[in-house]
Amino acid sequence: MNPVDALVAIDRGILVAYSRRTTDALRGVLPLRIALPRIEPFLDLNVAKEVQKDALVIRRAHETLRHGAAPSLAIARQLFHATREIDNVFLARVSSLPVGIVIRYAEIEPIRTQRIEKLLGAAFAILERWPRGKCGRLAIQECFSREELQLLLHDLLRLYALETQALSRSLRLPALLVPLRDGIARNLYRIMNDAAGRMARDVAVMVHRQRQR
């Protein structure tokens, strides 16, 4: 597997594990436990959407590196517009669910652009230090200390949680669940952010544990 595909796979593994932890935690909160059968398919499709978006950003970081350029806010903004195509596929998929959604881009754009910019810069730095045949773990260690990696991952996952919270406020729920919408959005972010902190810590420790041996 080449470094780009490997980094995409690492990112996908982190996001899927993070989503699984989040869903497990949601089952312990009463308003969310009631709504979970309705919103869990939405969360599953949402993480699939995030995996696609991140892959797009990582591959663009590789193209930027290959052409001798540098990551920039302009590239992040271009990528934001490209991710709207992924949103369209996502919206088509959730249309068959018992929930509906409207994406309010005025609220979403600054959050998503910030996340794209952070991921673009991190992927560029890692791929720059990850020639073929080199261990990806070592490339990440060269880029970020354990504390820096933990902070980066927490920021990326926190921004993902913020965007998911914004999306959850736009959910069109069955009538009986409408009164729970604000509580769902509020609890969803709190739980996702708590899970983000733990996930970031665990991944950072795992990556840097090898250096200590």
Protein backbone atom coordinates (compact mmCIF):
# COMPACT_ATOMS: atom_id res chain seq x y z
CA MET A 1 0.00 0.00 0.00
CA ASN A 2 1.40 3.40 -0.93
CA PRO A 3 1.67 6.15 1.74
CA VAL A 4 -1.40 8.04 0.49
CA ASP A 5 -3.68 4.99 0.60
CA ALA A 6 -2.19 3.99 3.95
CA LEU A 7 -2.86 7.42 5.46
CA VAL A 8 -6.43 7.32 4.12
CA ALA A 9 -6.85 3.90 5.75
CA ILE A 10 -5.46 5.17 9.08
CA ASP A 11 -7.85 8.12 9.00
CA ARG A 12 -10.80 5.84 8.16
CA GLY A 13 -9.93 3.53 11.06
CA ILE A 14 -9.84 6.44 13.50
CA LEU A 15 -13.16 7.87 12.32
CA VAL A 16 -14.96 4.53 12.35
CA ALA A 17 -13.67 3.72 15.85
CA TYR A 18 -14.63 7.21 17.03
CA SER A 19 -18.13 6.83 15.63
CA ARG A 20 -18.51 3.44 17.32
CA ARG A 21 -17.44 4.87 20.68
CA THR A 22 -19.84 7.76 20.24
CA THR A 23 -22.79 5.49 19.45
CA ASP A 24 -22.01 3.29 22.47
CA ALA A 25 -21.99 6.38 24.72
CA LEU A 26 -25.25 7.69 23.25
CA ARG A 27 -27.07 4.61 24.51
CA GLY A 28 -26.47 5.80 28.06
CA VAL A 29 -28.33 9.12 27.68
CA LEU A 30 -32.12 8.89 27.94
CA PRO A 31 -33.23 11.44 25.27
CA LEU A 32 -30.70 10.02 22.85
CA ARG A 33 -31.51 6.41 23.69
CA ILE A 34 -35.13 7.09 22.77
CA ALA A 35 -34.16 8.73 19.46
CA LEU A 36 -31.20 6.47 18.66
CA PRO A 37 -33.07 3.93 16.51
CA ARG A 38 -34.08 6.89 14.30
CA ILE A 39 -30.76 8.74 14.22
CA GLU A 40 -28.24 5.88 14.29
CA PRO A 41 -28.52 5.24 10.51
CA PHE A 42 -27.97 8.99 10.03
CA LEU A 43 -24.81 8.82 12.17
CA ASP A 44 -23.53 5.80 10.20
CA LEU A 45 -24.01 7.62 6.89
CA ASN A 46 -22.50 10.74 8.38
CA VAL A 47 -19.24 9.01 9.31
CA ALA A 48 -19.08 7.45 5.83
CA LYS A 49 -19.40 10.99 4.45
CA GLU A 50 -16.56 12.21 6.69
CA VAL A 51 -14.31 9.35 5.58
CA GLN A 52 -14.87 10.35 1.93
CA LYS A 53 -14.21 14.01 2.66
CA ASP A 54 -11.01 13.25 4.55
CA ALA A 55 -9.78 11.00 1.73
CA LEU A 56 -10.35 13.86 -0.69
CA VAL A 57 -8.28 16.19 1.51
CA ILE A 58 -5.45 13.69 2.01
CA ARG A 59 -5.20 13.01 -1.73
CA ARG A 60 -5.16 16.74 -2.43
CA ALA A 61 -2.33 17.13 0.10
CA HIS A 62 -0.38 14.53 -1.88
CA GLU A 63 -1.06 16.36 -5.17
CA THR A 64 0.03 19.64 -3.59
CA LEU A 65 3.27 18.05 -2.37
CA ARG A 66 3.90 16.38 -5.74
CA HIS A 67 3.63 19.73 -7.54
CA GLY A 68 5.99 21.45 -5.13
CA ALA A 69 3.30 23.73 -3.72
CA ALA A 70 2.21 24.27 -0.12
CA PRO A 71 -1.09 23.90 1.73
CA SER A 72 -3.13 27.10 1.84
CA LEU A 73 -6.48 28.50 2.87
CA ALA A 74 -7.31 28.89 -0.85
CA ILE A 75 -6.89 25.13 -1.34
CA ALA A 76 -8.97 24.45 1.77
CA ARG A 77 -11.76 26.59 0.36
CA GLN A 78 -11.60 24.76 -2.97
CA LEU A 79 -11.87 21.49 -1.09
CA PHE A 80 -14.86 22.79 0.87
CA HIS A 81 -16.74 23.34 -2.39
CA ALA A 82 -15.68 19.89 -3.60
CA THR A 83 -17.09 18.30 -0.44
CA ARG A 84 -20.53 19.62 -1.29
CA GLU A 85 -20.72 16.93 -3.98
CA ILE A 86 -20.22 14.34 -1.24
CA ASP A 87 -22.99 16.09 0.72
CA ASN A 88 -25.35 15.66 -2.22
CA VAL A 89 -24.80 11.89 -2.20
CA PHE A 90 -25.29 11.88 1.58
CA LEU A 91 -28.58 13.79 1.28
CA ALA A 92 -29.82 11.35 -1.33
CA ARG A 93 -29.06 8.43 1.00
CA VAL A 94 -30.69 9.91 4.09
CA SER A 95 -33.82 10.74 2.11
CA SER A 96 -34.89 7.11 2.56
CA LEU A 97 -34.57 7.31 6.35
CA PRO A 98 -37.32 8.33 8.82
CA VAL A 99 -35.44 11.60 9.35
CA GLY A 100 -34.83 14.47 6.95
CA ILE A 101 -32.12 17.11 6.92
CA VAL A 102 -31.27 20.48 5.45
CA ILE A 103 -27.58 21.48 5.39
CA ARG A 104 -27.22 25.12 6.42
CA TYR A 105 -23.94 26.02 4.77
CA ALA A 106 -23.74 29.47 6.39
CA GLU A 107 -23.26 27.64 9.70
CA ILE A 108 -21.30 24.67 8.37
CA GLU A 109 -18.72 26.40 6.13
CA PRO A 110 -16.42 27.99 8.76
CA ILE A 111 -16.36 24.78 10.82
CA ARG A 112 -15.69 22.49 7.89
CA THR A 113 -13.14 24.81 6.27
CA GLN A 114 -11.17 24.99 9.51
CA ARG A 115 -11.15 21.19 9.76
CA ILE A 116 -10.11 20.81 6.13
CA GLU A 117 -7.27 23.30 6.59
CA LYS A 118 -5.95 21.45 9.67
CA LEU A 119 -6.16 18.03 8.01
CA LEU A 120 -4.60 19.32 4.78
CA GLY A 121 -1.59 20.71 6.64
CA ALA A 122 -1.15 17.60 8.77
CA ALA A 123 -1.45 15.20 5.82
CA PHE A 124 1.03 17.28 3.80
CA ALA A 125 3.57 17.20 6.65
CA ILE A 126 3.19 13.45 7.20
CA LEU A 127 3.38 12.53 3.51
CA GLU A 128 6.44 14.75 3.10
CA ARG A 129 8.22 12.55 5.66
CA TRP A 130 6.78 9.26 4.43
CA PRO A 131 8.61 8.06 1.31
CA ARG A 132 7.80 4.63 -0.06
CA GLY A 133 9.07 1.84 2.14
CA LYS A 134 9.20 3.96 5.30
CA CYS A 135 7.03 3.17 8.31
CA GLY A 136 4.04 5.46 8.55
CA ARG A 137 4.19 5.43 12.34
CA LEU A 138 7.73 6.84 12.21
CA ALA A 139 6.65 9.53 9.74
CA ILE A 140 3.89 10.63 12.12
CA GLN A 141 6.30 10.58 15.07
CA GLU A 142 8.70 12.83 13.14
CA CYS A 143 5.91 15.34 12.52
CA PHE A 144 4.24 15.46 15.92
CA SER A 145 5.16 14.84 19.52
CA ARG A 146 2.65 12.79 21.50
CA GLU A 147 1.15 15.98 22.94
CA GLU A 148 0.99 17.67 19.52
CA LEU A 149 -0.63 14.62 17.92
CA GLN A 150 -3.19 14.37 20.71
CA LEU A 151 -4.08 18.06 20.34
CA LEU A 152 -4.33 17.77 16.54
CA LEU A 153 -6.58 14.71 16.65
CA HIS A 154 -8.79 16.23 19.34
CA ASP A 155 -9.17 19.41 17.27
CA LEU A 156 -10.07 17.44 14.13
CA LEU A 157 -12.61 15.28 15.95
CA ARG A 158 -14.02 18.24 17.91
CA LEU A 159 -14.67 20.10 14.65
CA TYR A 160 -16.31 16.95 13.26
CA ALA A 161 -18.51 16.93 16.39
CA LEU A 162 -19.41 20.60 15.91
CA GLU A 163 -20.46 19.99 12.31
CA THR A 164 -22.49 16.94 13.34
CA GLN A 165 -24.18 19.01 16.04
CA ALA A 166 -25.06 21.66 13.46
CA LEU A 167 -26.49 18.98 11.19
CA SER A 168 -28.48 17.43 14.05
CA ARG A 169 -30.20 20.78 14.69
CA SER A 170 -31.47 20.58 11.10
CA LEU A 171 -32.90 17.07 11.43
CA ARG A 172 -36.57 16.72 10.53
CA LEU A 173 -37.68 14.17 13.10
CA PRO A 174 -40.96 12.32 13.52
CA ALA A 175 -43.48 14.47 15.43
CA LEU A 176 -43.07 12.62 18.74
CA LEU A 177 -39.31 13.30 18.74
CA VAL A 178 -39.39 16.98 17.71
CA PRO A 179 -39.41 18.24 21.35
CA LEU A 180 -36.17 16.30 21.92
CA ARG A 181 -34.27 17.97 19.04
CA ASP A 182 -32.43 20.62 21.10
CA GLY A 183 -31.52 18.10 23.77
CA ILE A 184 -30.26 15.70 21.13
CA ALA A 185 -28.03 18.36 19.57
CA ARG A 186 -26.67 19.50 22.94
CA ASN A 187 -25.99 16.01 24.30
CA LEU A 188 -24.65 14.78 20.97
CA TYR A 189 -21.88 17.39 20.93
CA ARG A 190 -20.98 16.83 24.59
CA ILE A 191 -20.72 13.08 24.10
CA MET A 192 -18.85 13.37 20.80
CA ASN A 193 -16.37 15.85 22.28
CA ASP A 194 -15.75 13.64 25.32
CA ALA A 195 -15.18 10.67 23.01
CA ALA A 196 -12.89 12.85 20.85
CA GLY A 197 -10.64 13.61 23.81
CA ARG A 198 -10.33 9.95 24.76
CA MET A 199 -9.82 8.83 21.16
CA ALA A 200 -7.12 11.45 20.56
CA ARG A 201 -5.28 10.41 23.72
CA ASP A 202 -5.46 6.69 22.92
CA VAL A 203 -4.23 7.11 19.33
CA ALA A 204 -1.39 9.44 20.34
CA VAL A 205 -0.23 7.01 23.03
CA MET A 206 -0.41 4.07 20.60
CA VAL A 207 1.60 5.89 17.90
CA HIS A 208 4.34 7.01 20.29
CA ARG A 209 4.48 3.82 22.36
CA GLN A 210 6.59 2.22 19.65
CA ARG A 211 9.21 4.95 20.00
CA GLN A 212 9.64 4.12 23.68
CA ARG A 213 10.43 0.44 23.08
